[in-house]
Protein backbone atom coordinates (compact mmCIF):
# COMPACT_ATOMS: atom_id res chain seq x y z
CA MET A 1 36.13 -135.91 23.59
CA ALA A 2 35.29 -139.30 22.16
CA ARG A 3 37.48 -140.61 19.41
CA ARG A 4 35.82 -141.87 16.18
CA LYS A 5 36.73 -145.32 14.95
CA ARG A 6 38.20 -145.35 11.49
CA LEU A 7 36.71 -148.09 9.28
CA ASP A 8 39.04 -150.07 7.12
CA PRO A 9 37.93 -150.73 3.46
CA THR A 10 38.60 -154.45 3.93
CA GLU A 11 36.13 -154.56 6.81
CA LEU A 12 33.45 -152.93 4.64
CA ALA A 13 33.96 -155.55 1.94
CA ALA A 14 33.73 -158.36 4.48
CA ASN A 15 30.43 -157.11 5.92
CA ARG A 16 28.76 -156.45 2.51
CA PRO A 17 26.25 -159.21 1.48
CA ALA A 18 27.19 -161.23 -1.54
CA PRO A 19 25.34 -160.28 -4.74
CA GLU A 20 22.37 -162.55 -5.69
CA ALA A 21 23.13 -164.97 -8.47
CA LYS A 22 20.65 -164.46 -11.34
CA SER A 23 20.23 -166.49 -14.47
CA MET A 24 20.51 -164.74 -17.79
CA GLY A 25 17.38 -166.63 -18.99
CA MET A 26 13.70 -166.16 -18.11
CA PRO A 27 12.44 -167.51 -14.76
CA ASP A 28 11.00 -171.00 -14.94
CA ALA A 29 7.63 -169.95 -13.50
CA ALA A 30 7.03 -167.09 -15.93
CA ALA A 31 6.31 -167.55 -19.65
CA PRO A 32 7.31 -164.96 -22.25
CA PRO A 33 4.62 -162.26 -22.48
CA ILE A 34 3.77 -163.00 -26.11
CA ALA A 35 3.39 -166.73 -25.39
CA ARG A 36 1.16 -166.01 -22.39
CA VAL A 37 -1.06 -163.70 -24.45
CA ALA A 38 -1.27 -166.23 -27.28
CA GLY A 39 -2.21 -169.02 -24.88
CA GLU A 40 -4.90 -166.97 -23.19
CA SER A 41 -6.27 -165.92 -26.59
CA ALA A 42 -6.40 -169.52 -27.83
CA GLY A 43 -8.14 -170.69 -24.66
CA GLY A 44 -10.67 -167.88 -24.86
CA GLY A 45 -11.30 -168.62 -28.54
CA ALA A 46 -11.91 -172.30 -27.83
CA ARG A 47 -14.36 -171.43 -25.05
CA ALA A 48 -16.15 -168.96 -27.33
CA LEU A 49 -16.45 -171.58 -30.08
CA ALA A 50 -17.80 -174.15 -27.63
CA MET A 51 -20.37 -171.67 -26.30
CA ALA A 52 -21.40 -170.67 -29.84
CA ASP A 53 -21.80 -174.32 -30.83
CA GLU A 54 -23.86 -175.05 -27.72
CA ALA A 55 -26.09 -172.07 -28.48
CA GLY A 56 -26.55 -173.23 -32.08
CA ARG A 57 -24.72 -170.27 -33.66
CA LEU A 58 -21.89 -172.29 -35.25
CA LEU A 59 -22.35 -173.22 -38.90
CA HIS A 60 -21.72 -176.86 -39.83
CA ALA A 61 -21.41 -178.70 -43.16
CA ILE A 62 -23.37 -181.91 -42.55
CA PRO A 63 -23.60 -184.83 -45.02
CA LEU A 64 -27.06 -185.10 -46.56
CA SER A 65 -27.14 -188.83 -45.86
CA SER A 66 -26.95 -188.28 -42.08
CA ILE A 67 -30.04 -186.00 -41.85
CA ASN A 68 -33.55 -187.44 -41.54
CA ILE A 69 -35.66 -185.05 -43.59
CA ALA A 70 -38.87 -186.68 -42.25
CA HIS A 71 -37.94 -186.19 -38.58
CA LEU A 72 -40.95 -183.91 -38.01
CA THR A 73 -44.37 -183.76 -39.63
CA ARG A 74 -44.22 -180.66 -41.79
CA ASP A 75 -46.94 -178.02 -41.84
CA ARG A 76 -46.38 -177.47 -45.55
CA ILE A 77 -48.29 -180.12 -47.53
CA SER A 78 -46.40 -179.54 -50.76
CA ALA A 79 -44.35 -176.95 -52.59
CA THR A 80 -45.23 -175.63 -56.03
CA ASP A 81 -43.14 -176.90 -58.93
CA ASP A 82 -42.37 -173.33 -60.02
CA GLY A 83 -41.21 -172.38 -56.55
CA MET A 84 -38.94 -175.42 -56.21
CA GLN A 85 -37.51 -174.89 -59.68
CA ALA A 86 -36.63 -171.29 -58.85
CA LEU A 87 -35.06 -172.37 -55.54
CA ARG A 88 -32.95 -175.06 -57.23
CA ALA A 89 -31.77 -172.59 -59.87
CA SER A 90 -30.77 -170.07 -57.20
CA ILE A 91 -28.81 -172.62 -55.15
CA LEU A 92 -27.14 -174.01 -58.27
CA GLU A 93 -25.93 -170.56 -59.33
CA HIS A 94 -25.23 -168.85 -56.01
CA GLY A 95 -24.92 -171.72 -53.54
CA GLN A 96 -26.93 -172.27 -50.37
CA ARG A 97 -27.26 -168.88 -48.74
CA MET A 98 -29.61 -169.71 -45.88
CA PRO A 99 -28.67 -172.61 -43.54
CA VAL A 100 -31.20 -175.20 -42.38
CA GLU A 101 -31.74 -176.15 -38.73
CA VAL A 102 -31.22 -179.67 -37.40
CA MET A 103 -31.16 -181.39 -34.03
CA GLN A 104 -29.21 -184.41 -32.87
CA SER A 105 -31.35 -187.51 -33.18
CA ASP A 106 -31.25 -191.02 -31.77
CA ALA A 107 -32.83 -192.46 -34.91
CA GLN A 108 -31.42 -195.56 -36.53
CA PRO A 109 -28.23 -195.19 -38.64
CA PRO A 110 -27.33 -193.63 -40.97
CA TYR A 111 -29.31 -190.75 -39.48
CA HIS A 112 -27.57 -188.72 -36.78
CA PHE A 113 -29.63 -185.54 -37.16
CA GLY A 114 -33.29 -184.68 -37.66
CA LEU A 115 -34.42 -181.72 -39.76
CA ILE A 116 -36.22 -178.99 -37.81
CA SER A 117 -36.63 -176.23 -40.39
CA GLY A 118 -35.56 -175.59 -43.96
CA TYR A 119 -37.43 -178.48 -45.61
CA ARG A 120 -37.67 -176.83 -49.05
CA ARG A 121 -33.98 -175.86 -49.01
CA MET A 122 -32.89 -179.37 -48.09
CA GLN A 123 -35.24 -180.93 -50.63
CA ALA A 124 -33.75 -178.65 -53.30
CA VAL A 125 -30.17 -179.62 -52.35
CA VAL A 126 -31.11 -183.33 -52.35
CA GLU A 127 -32.56 -182.97 -55.86
CA LEU A 128 -29.49 -181.04 -57.05
CA ALA A 129 -27.24 -183.77 -55.65
CA ALA A 130 -29.13 -186.32 -57.74
CA GLN A 131 -28.98 -184.13 -60.84
CA HIS A 132 -25.29 -183.18 -60.44
CA PRO A 133 -23.52 -186.12 -58.76
CA GLU A 134 -20.11 -184.74 -59.75
CA ASP A 135 -20.68 -181.44 -57.90
CA THR A 136 -19.24 -181.83 -54.39
CA ARG A 137 -21.13 -178.75 -53.19
CA PHE A 138 -24.25 -180.85 -52.85
CA THR A 139 -22.85 -183.71 -50.77
CA THR A 140 -23.31 -181.63 -47.61
CA ILE A 141 -25.69 -178.92 -46.47
CA LYS A 142 -25.04 -175.86 -44.32
CA ALA A 143 -26.84 -176.23 -41.02
CA PHE A 144 -27.13 -174.89 -37.49
CA ILE A 145 -27.33 -177.61 -34.84
CA ARG A 146 -30.04 -176.59 -32.40
CA GLN A 147 -30.66 -178.14 -29.00
CA PRO A 148 -34.39 -177.82 -28.24
CA ASP A 149 -35.48 -178.98 -24.81
CA ASP A 150 -37.57 -181.75 -26.35
CA LEU A 151 -39.55 -182.69 -29.45
CA ARG A 152 -42.14 -180.07 -28.54
CA GLY A 153 -39.51 -177.37 -28.81
CA ALA A 154 -38.49 -178.70 -32.23
CA TYR A 155 -42.08 -178.49 -33.49
CA VAL A 156 -42.46 -174.96 -32.16
CA ALA A 157 -39.21 -173.90 -33.89
CA MET A 158 -40.35 -175.41 -37.19
CA VAL A 159 -43.74 -173.72 -37.04
CA GLU A 160 -42.29 -170.34 -36.02
CA GLU A 161 -39.90 -170.27 -38.99
CA ASN A 162 -42.60 -171.24 -41.48
CA GLU A 163 -45.01 -168.66 -40.07
CA ILE A 164 -42.39 -166.02 -40.88
CA ARG A 165 -41.17 -167.30 -44.25
CA GLU A 166 -44.17 -169.06 -45.79
CA ASP A 167 -47.82 -168.37 -46.49
CA VAL A 168 -49.19 -171.29 -44.47
CA SER A 169 -52.91 -172.07 -44.73
CA HIS A 170 -55.20 -172.77 -41.77
CA PHE A 171 -55.62 -176.32 -43.10
CA GLU A 172 -51.86 -176.88 -42.92
CA ARG A 173 -51.67 -175.37 -39.44
CA ALA A 174 -54.46 -177.63 -38.23
CA ARG A 175 -52.90 -180.67 -39.90
CA VAL A 176 -49.54 -180.34 -38.15
CA ALA A 177 -51.24 -179.76 -34.78
CA LEU A 178 -53.42 -182.84 -35.24
CA MET A 179 -50.53 -185.06 -36.32
CA ALA A 180 -48.30 -183.83 -33.48
CA ALA A 181 -51.06 -184.77 -31.04
CA GLN A 182 -51.55 -188.16 -32.70
CA ALA A 183 -47.80 -188.78 -32.39
CA GLU A 184 -48.20 -188.01 -28.64
CA VAL A 185 -45.81 -185.06 -28.80
CA PHE A 186 -48.67 -183.17 -27.11
CA GLU A 187 -51.35 -184.67 -24.90
CA SER A 188 -54.22 -183.21 -26.93
CA VAL A 189 -55.00 -181.18 -30.03
CA GLU A 190 -55.97 -178.30 -27.75
CA GLU A 191 -52.51 -178.32 -26.17
CA ALA A 192 -50.81 -178.65 -29.56
CA VAL A 193 -52.63 -175.65 -31.02
CA ASN A 194 -51.96 -173.52 -27.93
CA ALA A 195 -48.24 -174.38 -27.91
CA LEU A 196 -47.52 -174.23 -31.64
CA TYR A 197 -49.44 -171.00 -32.25
CA ALA A 198 -48.94 -169.25 -28.92
CA ALA A 199 -47.93 -166.06 -30.73
CA GLY A 200 -51.29 -165.89 -32.50
CA SER A 201 -54.47 -164.39 -31.13
CA LYS A 202 -57.10 -166.39 -29.29
CA ALA A 203 -59.46 -165.99 -32.25
CA ARG A 204 -56.84 -167.35 -34.63
CA ARG A 205 -56.23 -170.42 -32.48
CA SER A 206 -60.00 -170.99 -32.34
CA LYS A 207 -60.13 -171.00 -36.15
CA ILE A 208 -57.25 -173.48 -36.33
CA ARG A 209 -59.10 -175.80 -33.94
CA SER A 210 -62.14 -175.61 -36.21
CA PHE A 211 -59.96 -176.55 -39.17
CA VAL A 212 -58.78 -179.62 -37.23
CA LEU A 213 -62.31 -181.00 -37.69
CA VAL A 214 -61.98 -180.45 -41.44
CA VAL A 215 -58.64 -182.27 -41.49
CA GLN A 216 -60.11 -185.18 -39.52
CA GLU A 217 -63.26 -185.64 -41.58
CA LEU A 218 -62.28 -184.47 -45.07
CA GLY A 219 -58.49 -184.42 -45.15
CA ASN A 220 -58.09 -187.52 -47.33
CA ALA A 221 -61.06 -186.65 -49.56
CA LEU A 222 -59.85 -183.16 -50.49
CA THR A 223 -57.86 -182.95 -53.73
CA TYR A 224 -56.74 -179.37 -53.08
CA PRO A 225 -56.73 -178.98 -49.28
CA GLN A 226 -54.53 -175.85 -49.27
CA SER A 227 -57.15 -174.00 -51.31
CA VAL A 228 -59.78 -174.23 -48.57
CA ASN A 229 -59.88 -170.62 -47.41
CA GLU A 230 -60.89 -169.41 -43.97
CA ARG A 231 -64.55 -168.73 -44.79
CA LEU A 232 -65.12 -172.09 -46.50
CA GLY A 233 -63.20 -173.98 -43.82
CA LEU A 234 -65.24 -172.50 -40.97
CA ARG A 235 -68.48 -173.35 -42.81
CA LEU A 236 -67.25 -176.91 -43.30
CA ALA A 237 -66.37 -177.19 -39.60
CA GLU A 238 -69.85 -175.97 -38.65
CA ALA A 239 -71.44 -178.54 -40.97
CA ILE A 240 -69.26 -181.32 -39.53
CA ARG A 241 -70.37 -180.39 -36.01
CA ALA A 242 -73.95 -180.67 -37.27
CA GLY A 243 -73.32 -184.23 -38.46
CA GLN A 244 -72.67 -183.50 -42.15
CA GLY A 245 -69.11 -184.87 -42.29
CA ALA A 246 -69.90 -188.23 -43.92
CA ARG A 247 -72.14 -186.61 -46.54
CA LEU A 248 -69.49 -184.04 -47.47
CA ALA A 249 -66.83 -186.76 -47.71
CA GLN A 250 -69.11 -188.73 -50.06
CA VAL A 251 -69.69 -185.66 -52.24
CA LEU A 252 -65.93 -185.21 -52.57
CA SER A 253 -65.29 -188.88 -53.31
CA GLU A 254 -67.86 -188.87 -56.12
CA GLY A 255 -66.39 -185.80 -57.79
CA SER A 256 -63.44 -185.37 -60.14
CA PHE A 257 -61.86 -181.94 -59.94
CA GLU A 258 -59.45 -180.42 -62.42
CA ASP A 259 -58.65 -177.47 -60.20
CA ALA A 260 -59.24 -176.00 -56.76
CA ALA A 261 -62.05 -173.75 -57.97
CA GLY A 262 -64.08 -176.77 -59.09
CA GLN A 263 -63.57 -178.54 -55.77
CA ASN A 264 -64.56 -175.51 -53.71
CA ALA A 265 -67.61 -174.84 -55.89
CA VAL A 266 -68.89 -178.37 -55.23
CA LEU A 267 -68.29 -177.94 -51.49
CA ASP A 268 -70.10 -174.61 -51.49
CA ALA A 269 -73.09 -176.14 -53.26
CA ALA A 270 -73.15 -179.06 -50.82
CA LEU A 271 -73.14 -176.68 -47.87
CA ASN A 272 -76.01 -174.68 -49.34
CA ALA A 273 -78.13 -177.80 -49.92
CA LYS A 274 -80.80 -178.37 -47.28
CA VAL A 275 -80.45 -181.72 -45.54
CA SER A 276 -83.10 -182.75 -43.02
CA HIS A 277 -81.89 -186.20 -41.95
CA ALA A 278 -78.56 -185.16 -40.49
CA LYS A 279 -78.06 -185.67 -36.77
CA PRO A 280 -76.15 -183.02 -34.84
CA SER A 281 -72.80 -184.10 -33.54
CA ARG A 282 -72.27 -184.20 -29.79
CA ASN A 283 -68.71 -182.99 -30.29
CA THR A 284 -69.35 -179.26 -29.99
CA GLY A 285 -66.74 -178.51 -27.37
CA LYS A 286 -63.04 -179.13 -27.43
CA VAL A 287 -61.51 -180.77 -30.45
CA SER A 288 -60.53 -184.39 -29.87
CA TYR A 289 -59.03 -187.08 -32.03
CA ALA A 290 -59.34 -190.83 -32.24
CA LYS A 291 -56.16 -192.79 -31.82
CA PRO A 292 -55.40 -195.08 -34.76
CA LEU A 293 -56.33 -198.75 -34.60
CA PHE A 294 -52.83 -199.59 -35.78
CA GLU A 295 -49.68 -197.49 -36.06
CA HIS A 296 -46.17 -198.40 -37.17
CA ARG A 297 -43.10 -196.16 -37.35
CA LEU A 298 -40.69 -196.80 -40.21
CA PRO A 299 -36.87 -196.54 -39.84
CA ASN A 300 -36.84 -193.18 -41.67
CA GLY A 301 -39.23 -191.67 -39.10
CA ALA A 302 -42.41 -191.87 -41.20
CA THR A 303 -45.52 -193.50 -39.73
CA VAL A 304 -48.24 -195.72 -41.18
CA ALA A 305 -51.56 -195.63 -39.32
CA LEU A 306 -54.98 -197.22 -39.77
CA HIS A 307 -58.06 -195.17 -38.85
CA ARG A 308 -61.73 -196.16 -39.01
CA THR A 309 -64.56 -193.62 -38.92
CA GLY A 310 -68.20 -194.36 -39.69
CA GLY A 311 -67.44 -197.69 -41.35
CA ILE A 312 -64.73 -196.18 -43.56
CA SER A 313 -61.16 -197.45 -43.14
CA ARG A 314 -58.40 -194.96 -43.85
CA LEU A 315 -54.70 -195.78 -44.22
CA GLU A 316 -52.59 -192.74 -43.35
CA PHE A 317 -48.94 -192.32 -44.32
CA ALA A 318 -47.27 -189.40 -42.52
CA GLY A 319 -43.80 -187.93 -42.16
CA HIS A 320 -42.69 -188.44 -45.74
CA GLU A 321 -44.08 -187.22 -49.06
CA LEU A 322 -45.06 -190.10 -51.34
CA THR A 323 -44.27 -189.77 -55.04
CA PRO A 324 -46.92 -190.89 -57.56
CA HIS A 325 -44.73 -193.90 -58.39
CA GLN A 326 -44.51 -194.91 -54.72
CA ALA A 327 -48.27 -194.48 -54.30
CA GLN A 328 -48.84 -196.70 -57.35
CA MET A 329 -46.56 -199.39 -55.91
CA LEU A 330 -48.35 -199.16 -52.55
CA ALA A 331 -51.75 -199.49 -54.23
CA GLY A 332 -50.54 -202.56 -56.12
CA ALA A 333 -49.27 -204.18 -52.92
CA LEU A 334 -52.59 -203.48 -51.17
CA GLU A 335 -54.50 -205.00 -54.07
CA VAL A 336 -52.48 -208.23 -53.80
CA ILE A 337 -52.97 -208.34 -50.01
CA LEU A 338 -56.73 -207.76 -50.20
CA GLU A 339 -57.18 -210.36 -52.95
CA SER A 340 -55.22 -212.98 -51.01
CA ASP A 341 -57.29 -212.37 -47.86
CA SER A 342 -60.69 -212.31 -49.58
CA PRO A 343 -62.90 -215.44 -49.21
CA LYS A 344 -62.65 -217.88 -52.12
């Protein structure tokens, strides 16, 4: 019978592996759980903010002086005094509730942004800043910074917002399409109308193209262009195609109208008058436009252009609303220039 070997306790101790030495602190490679969670949360928050800013969902307070309000040609010709007064009163009492939309611009300093939409709101804040210089609320304006693909996208965004928020006339729609084409944002008026009013029906775009003729021929002669309704505008476009544009412009230039009703009554009478010497226009197809003989862009984004149609020279100032005082100063300067250039 085999004998079992008795193990000595000292031999067991000698063969046992030494215990692993462990530090009482945390391992170098592992951070405390709460610190790791906080770091991941901060990193995720920063990424979310960056994505929101890139998508134009982050609200910014931008100095008024750094935004070019005339960056785009607006489709609204003017705002009523009552409407602007109510808007200023609301912002003064409750603050600016609805942000404007801007895009980064490469315009000359001090402008770093160009206004896309929210013209009336920004105009109201600018006026409040002038009326209340001590109120720091009106040194900046709340704005979303959008990143449209190009200037075309900016025009589309501006038109889309105004179509929702404002009662825009066909004349104003046609005007912004024509001026966007003249500024070479679009290759033609046809393309401008199709892009800016893509959400509208084909019939609606056709009416806007007809109104482009009215803007071209009678835009500067009309005292109340926004009051030209759809029926009157389409009749005017038909008459212009028939060669009546110069006659209608002369009728308007000879009249003095106290209100829109008087202007439209004169136009209606002129359209009803039988004229036998008019020659039909060959432009019965797509709407086109004549490029200006001279065009100059000012530092604030506005443009000055010289057009000549049928022996009539027309100086067009676009991209900025002239005040009566500025128009008077401009007329005085033109008078001096014309007198100095006239033959002695």
